[in-house]
Amino acid sequence: MAQLTIDIDKCAKDGICADECPLKIISLNGPNGFPQIKPGAESACFACGHCVAVCPRGALDCSEVPLYRCPPILKERTVKKDQAVQFLRSRRSARVFKDRPVERARIHELIDIARYAPSASNSQLVEWVVFSDRNQIAGIVEHTIEWMRGLIKQGPLALYSPYIIPAVEAWNAGQDRILRNSPALVFAMAPMEAVYGMVDLTIALSYLDLMAPTAGLTTCWAGVLHRAMEKSPSLRRYVGIPETHPHYYPMMIGYPKHPYHRLPERKPPKIIWRQPGAETPPSGK
């Protein structure tokens, strides 16, 4: 159960913590007008940490989100707009990796940052499975190819993706078009009770994805493998994703073989403004 501790020498009784609380369980009705959790509402707290993070004076401590584990935000580390734009635009899906294993410590560091991704009701139910053994990863690819071969035998109606035949032909020629010889494979997954599990794990994977270049690594979302696992229960069992976790997605990770030097353009966004008098046609023009 959540409990608040107030440093009365620092607290200005400004009500910022109460205003910011998503569940509105903080009031200024404590002794002498200091903040407190409303009586009987202690168990409702889902430990989001907003109250601790928003206090400009560091006057509030929460038993569920201890102040000592919440370092201050340093203004000198604030990312400027042009830096953020280049950082986001320079992110690429790499499909050529160095023949070099990825250290467990580096992957752990990325996952440790990814746990700060937002999740529905701050449930924090995302879990991780990591493969870093070449033989295991090759086995996953082989099982995926076997599933594809089964579809080919069924005939044209079963081939819902034009990618299947070229992928099998490439594998027969010694080329991996499924996981691209990536030295590591990371799965984010969420249990059945995570109502928005697919959203939660996608955001967490995005955090890992964007953080990877800071560790000298690059990534690629393994969509072909994900689709195969959705259609092939035997492949999913081979990978080891439990039935209790219906939400999952794989990501290749490794050291990039080639650096990128440009920021390719993308299609303009299609925006429909719904404000009165500001309607825009679907084309966005």
Protein backbone atom coordinates (compact mmCIF):
# COMPACT_ATOMS: atom_id res chain seq x y z
CA MET A 1 0.00 0.00 0.00
CA ALA A 2 1.32 3.38 -0.97
CA GLN A 3 2.31 5.89 1.68
CA LEU A 4 3.58 9.44 1.29
CA THR A 5 6.29 11.07 3.34
CA ILE A 6 6.43 14.86 3.16
CA ASP A 7 9.47 16.99 3.93
CA ILE A 8 7.62 19.88 5.58
CA ASP A 9 10.65 22.17 5.21
CA LYS A 10 10.53 21.81 1.44
CA CYS A 11 6.82 21.39 0.71
CA ALA A 12 5.10 24.57 -0.56
CA LYS A 13 1.59 23.07 -0.32
CA ASP A 14 1.11 24.13 -3.95
CA GLY A 15 -1.01 21.08 -4.83
CA ILE A 16 1.03 20.16 -7.91
CA CYS A 17 1.28 16.52 -6.79
CA ALA A 18 -2.48 16.31 -6.23
CA ASP A 19 -3.21 17.92 -9.59
CA GLU A 20 -0.83 15.55 -11.40
CA CYS A 21 -1.99 12.31 -9.77
CA PRO A 22 -3.74 10.29 -12.52
CA LEU A 23 -6.16 8.68 -10.06
CA LYS A 24 -6.73 11.85 -8.00
CA ILE A 25 -6.05 10.02 -4.76
CA ILE A 26 -3.80 12.76 -3.36
CA SER A 27 -5.36 15.68 -1.50
CA LEU A 28 -4.12 18.63 0.57
CA ASN A 29 -6.22 17.57 3.53
CA GLY A 30 -3.32 16.17 5.52
CA PRO A 31 -2.13 17.67 8.82
CA ASN A 32 -1.59 21.42 8.44
CA GLY A 33 -2.64 21.23 4.77
CA PHE A 34 0.20 19.00 3.58
CA PRO A 35 -0.43 16.40 0.84
CA GLN A 36 -1.65 12.95 1.75
CA ILE A 37 -3.26 9.98 0.08
CA LYS A 38 -6.98 10.04 0.70
CA PRO A 39 -7.93 7.61 3.47
CA GLY A 40 -8.82 4.20 2.04
CA ALA A 41 -7.26 4.94 -1.36
CA GLU A 42 -3.75 3.69 -0.58
CA SER A 43 -4.25 0.41 -2.43
CA ALA A 44 -5.40 2.20 -5.60
CA CYS A 45 -1.94 3.66 -6.26
CA PHE A 46 -0.33 1.99 -9.30
CA ALA A 47 3.14 3.42 -8.61
CA CYS A 48 3.41 5.68 -11.64
CA GLY A 49 5.75 8.03 -9.77
CA HIS A 50 4.13 11.21 -11.09
CA CYS A 51 3.86 12.74 -7.64
CA VAL A 52 7.57 12.24 -6.93
CA ALA A 53 8.66 13.34 -10.39
CA VAL A 54 6.56 16.50 -10.58
CA CYS A 55 7.48 18.09 -7.24
CA PRO A 56 9.96 20.89 -8.08
CA ARG A 57 11.37 20.87 -4.55
CA GLY A 58 11.85 17.16 -3.99
CA ALA A 59 9.58 17.38 -0.98
CA LEU A 60 7.57 14.22 -1.57
CA ASP A 61 8.60 10.61 -1.08
CA CYS A 62 6.41 7.63 -1.93
CA SER A 63 6.84 4.15 -0.52
CA GLU A 64 6.03 2.62 -3.92
CA VAL A 65 8.40 4.93 -5.84
CA PRO A 66 11.19 5.93 -3.41
CA LEU A 67 12.69 9.35 -3.93
CA TYR A 68 16.24 8.01 -3.67
CA ARG A 69 15.64 5.89 -6.78
CA CYS A 70 14.41 8.88 -8.81
CA PRO A 71 17.43 10.91 -10.00
CA PRO A 72 16.82 14.53 -10.96
CA ILE A 73 16.36 15.57 -14.58
CA LEU A 74 19.47 17.51 -15.64
CA LYS A 75 18.77 20.45 -17.94
CA GLU A 76 22.23 20.24 -19.51
CA ARG A 77 21.31 16.81 -20.88
CA THR A 78 18.14 18.00 -22.59
CA VAL A 79 18.15 16.98 -26.26
CA LYS A 80 17.74 19.88 -28.68
CA LYS A 81 15.21 19.67 -31.50
CA ASP A 82 17.76 19.34 -34.33
CA GLN A 83 19.56 16.60 -32.42
CA ALA A 84 16.32 14.71 -31.84
CA VAL A 85 15.28 15.04 -35.49
CA GLN A 86 18.59 13.66 -36.77
CA PHE A 87 18.57 10.90 -34.15
CA LEU A 88 15.08 9.71 -35.11
CA ARG A 89 15.57 10.09 -38.86
CA SER A 90 18.90 8.26 -38.81
CA ARG A 91 17.36 5.11 -37.34
CA ARG A 92 17.50 2.32 -39.96
CA SER A 93 16.41 -1.33 -40.15
CA ALA A 94 19.70 -3.13 -40.72
CA ARG A 95 19.79 -6.45 -42.55
CA VAL A 96 23.56 -6.88 -42.76
CA PHE A 97 25.42 -7.57 -39.54
CA LYS A 98 29.04 -8.09 -38.61
CA ASP A 99 30.05 -11.65 -37.85
CA ARG A 100 30.50 -10.73 -34.20
CA PRO A 101 28.56 -11.91 -31.15
CA VAL A 102 26.68 -9.37 -29.07
CA GLU A 103 27.78 -9.33 -25.46
CA ARG A 104 25.13 -10.28 -22.92
CA ALA A 105 25.92 -7.14 -20.89
CA ARG A 106 25.05 -4.89 -23.85
CA ILE A 107 21.71 -6.57 -24.44
CA HIS A 108 20.94 -6.44 -20.73
CA GLU A 109 21.73 -2.72 -20.73
CA LEU A 110 19.25 -2.11 -23.56
CA ILE A 111 16.51 -4.14 -21.89
CA ASP A 112 17.17 -2.31 -18.63
CA ILE A 113 16.40 0.98 -20.39
CA ALA A 114 13.40 -0.51 -22.23
CA ARG A 115 11.71 -1.24 -18.88
CA TYR A 116 11.09 2.51 -18.55
CA ALA A 117 8.74 2.43 -21.53
CA PRO A 118 5.14 3.32 -20.66
CA SER A 119 2.64 0.51 -20.18
CA ALA A 120 -1.11 0.47 -19.63
CA SER A 121 -1.88 1.42 -16.00
CA ASN A 122 1.86 1.16 -15.35
CA SER A 123 1.42 -2.62 -15.28
CA GLN A 124 5.04 -3.27 -16.36
CA LEU A 125 4.21 -6.82 -17.49
CA VAL A 126 6.58 -7.01 -20.46
CA GLU A 127 9.06 -9.90 -20.28
CA TRP A 128 12.04 -10.80 -22.44
CA VAL A 129 13.58 -13.85 -24.11
CA VAL A 130 17.06 -13.56 -25.64
CA PHE A 131 18.82 -15.89 -28.08
CA SER A 132 22.53 -15.30 -28.64
CA ASP A 133 23.65 -18.75 -29.74
CA ARG A 134 24.18 -19.08 -33.49
CA ASN A 135 22.98 -22.67 -33.60
CA GLN A 136 19.76 -21.85 -31.75
CA ILE A 137 19.01 -18.94 -34.08
CA ALA A 138 19.77 -21.09 -37.12
CA GLY A 139 17.39 -23.71 -35.72
CA ILE A 140 14.61 -21.11 -35.51
CA VAL A 141 15.24 -20.17 -39.13
CA GLU A 142 15.22 -23.83 -40.21
CA HIS A 143 11.87 -24.42 -38.51
CA THR A 144 10.49 -21.29 -40.19
CA ILE A 145 11.67 -22.55 -43.58
CA GLU A 146 10.06 -25.93 -42.94
CA TRP A 147 6.74 -24.18 -42.28
CA MET A 148 7.16 -22.27 -45.54
CA ARG A 149 7.92 -25.47 -47.44
CA GLY A 150 4.67 -26.89 -46.12
CA LEU A 151 2.77 -23.92 -47.53
CA ILE A 152 4.44 -24.34 -50.90
CA LYS A 153 3.32 -27.98 -51.03
CA GLN A 154 -0.26 -26.90 -50.34
CA GLY A 155 -0.31 -24.87 -53.54
CA PRO A 156 -0.77 -21.24 -54.61
CA LEU A 157 -3.79 -20.53 -52.41
CA ALA A 158 -1.70 -21.11 -49.27
CA LEU A 159 1.02 -18.68 -50.33
CA TYR A 160 -0.42 -15.52 -48.85
CA SER A 161 2.97 -13.80 -49.06
CA PRO A 162 5.15 -13.43 -52.18
CA TYR A 163 8.13 -13.54 -49.82
CA ILE A 164 7.83 -17.26 -49.05
CA ILE A 165 9.23 -18.90 -52.20
CA PRO A 166 12.23 -16.51 -52.51
CA ALA A 167 13.03 -17.04 -48.81
CA VAL A 168 13.05 -20.83 -49.21
CA GLU A 169 15.11 -20.64 -52.41
CA ALA A 170 17.62 -18.36 -50.67
CA TRP A 171 17.89 -20.76 -47.72
CA ASN A 172 18.51 -23.65 -50.10
CA ALA A 173 21.35 -21.58 -51.56
CA GLY A 174 22.85 -20.96 -48.13
CA GLN A 175 21.38 -17.50 -47.49
CA ASP A 176 19.28 -16.52 -44.48
CA ARG A 177 16.48 -14.15 -45.55
CA ILE A 178 14.54 -14.71 -42.31
CA LEU A 179 16.89 -13.49 -39.57
CA ARG A 180 19.72 -12.27 -41.82
CA ASN A 181 22.41 -14.14 -39.87
CA SER A 182 21.83 -11.84 -36.92
CA PRO A 183 24.02 -12.79 -33.95
CA ALA A 184 21.22 -12.17 -31.45
CA LEU A 185 17.44 -12.35 -31.35
CA VAL A 186 15.35 -10.60 -28.71
CA PHE A 187 11.69 -11.31 -27.96
CA ALA A 188 9.46 -8.99 -25.95
CA MET A 189 6.34 -10.74 -24.68
CA ALA A 190 3.42 -10.06 -22.37
CA PRO A 191 1.02 -12.38 -20.49
CA MET A 192 -2.66 -12.81 -21.17
CA GLU A 193 -3.65 -10.49 -18.31
CA ALA A 194 -1.94 -7.60 -20.09
CA VAL A 195 -5.02 -6.25 -21.88
CA TYR A 196 -2.89 -3.97 -24.04
CA GLY A 197 0.06 -6.34 -24.07
CA MET A 198 0.88 -5.95 -27.76
CA VAL A 199 0.95 -2.18 -27.41
CA ASP A 200 3.05 -2.35 -24.24
CA LEU A 201 5.68 -4.64 -25.72
CA THR A 202 5.80 -2.68 -28.98
CA ILE A 203 6.63 0.50 -27.10
CA ALA A 204 9.23 -1.35 -25.03
CA LEU A 205 10.83 -2.79 -28.18
CA SER A 206 10.83 0.70 -29.69
CA TYR A 207 12.75 1.98 -26.67
CA LEU A 208 15.29 -0.82 -27.13
CA ASP A 209 15.40 -0.17 -30.87
CA LEU A 210 16.15 3.53 -30.45
CA MET A 211 18.66 2.94 -27.67
CA ALA A 212 20.63 0.30 -29.60
CA PRO A 213 22.83 2.74 -31.60
CA THR A 214 24.17 4.21 -28.36
CA ALA A 215 25.64 0.76 -27.68
CA GLY A 216 27.04 0.53 -31.20
CA LEU A 217 24.30 -1.89 -32.23
CA THR A 218 21.61 -1.98 -34.89
CA THR A 219 18.26 -3.76 -35.13
CA CYS A 220 15.54 -5.04 -37.42
CA TRP A 221 11.98 -6.03 -36.52
CA ALA A 222 11.60 -9.72 -37.44
CA GLY A 223 8.17 -9.58 -39.06
CA VAL A 224 8.55 -12.73 -41.17
CA LEU A 225 9.36 -14.80 -38.09
CA HIS A 226 6.47 -13.26 -36.16
CA ARG A 227 3.99 -14.11 -38.91
CA ALA A 228 5.30 -17.66 -39.12
CA MET A 229 4.98 -18.11 -35.36
CA GLU A 230 1.40 -16.87 -35.45
CA LYS A 231 0.52 -19.47 -38.09
CA SER A 232 2.69 -22.35 -36.84
CA PRO A 233 2.09 -23.60 -33.25
CA SER A 234 5.03 -25.99 -33.60
CA LEU A 235 7.40 -23.12 -34.43
CA ARG A 236 6.14 -21.16 -31.45
CA ARG A 237 6.71 -24.17 -29.20
CA TYR A 238 10.21 -24.55 -30.62
CA VAL A 239 11.01 -20.93 -29.84
CA GLY A 240 9.60 -21.41 -26.35
CA ILE A 241 7.01 -18.65 -26.06
CA PRO A 242 4.55 -19.99 -23.44
CA GLU A 243 0.85 -20.29 -24.17
CA THR A 244 0.25 -17.93 -21.24
CA HIS A 245 1.89 -15.16 -23.27
CA PRO A 246 -0.22 -14.52 -26.39
CA HIS A 247 1.52 -11.20 -27.07
CA TYR A 248 5.07 -11.31 -28.47
CA TYR A 249 7.35 -9.91 -31.15
CA PRO A 250 10.96 -10.69 -32.19
CA MET A 251 13.77 -8.30 -33.06
CA MET A 252 17.13 -9.00 -34.68
CA ILE A 253 20.09 -7.27 -33.11
CA GLY A 254 23.78 -7.08 -33.93
CA TYR A 255 26.70 -4.89 -34.85
CA PRO A 256 26.17 -3.04 -38.16
CA LYS A 257 28.49 -4.01 -40.98
CA HIS A 258 28.09 -0.73 -42.85
CA PRO A 259 27.45 2.81 -41.50
CA TYR A 260 24.80 5.07 -43.02
CA HIS A 261 25.61 8.59 -44.15
CA ARG A 262 22.30 10.10 -45.30
CA LEU A 263 18.76 10.66 -44.04
CA PRO A 264 16.39 9.27 -46.72
CA GLU A 265 13.08 11.05 -47.26
CA ARG A 266 9.74 9.40 -46.49
CA LYS A 267 6.21 9.91 -47.78
CA PRO A 268 4.45 12.99 -46.40
CA PRO A 269 2.02 12.25 -43.57
CA LYS A 270 -1.68 11.93 -44.31
CA ILE A 271 -3.53 14.08 -41.78
CA ILE A 272 -7.24 14.68 -41.36
CA TRP A 273 -7.93 17.68 -39.11
CA ARG A 274 -11.30 17.37 -37.39
CA GLN A 275 -11.49 20.88 -35.97
CA PRO A 276 -14.37 22.95 -37.42
CA GLY A 277 -13.17 25.05 -40.31
CA ALA A 278 -9.89 23.18 -40.62
CA GLU A 279 -10.94 20.08 -42.51
CA THR A 280 -8.29 18.61 -44.77
CA PRO A 281 -8.93 16.11 -47.58
CA PRO A 282 -7.59 12.57 -46.96
CA SER A 283 -4.66 13.22 -49.30
CA GLY A 284 -3.33 15.75 -46.79
CA LYS A 285 -3.06 18.37 -49.53
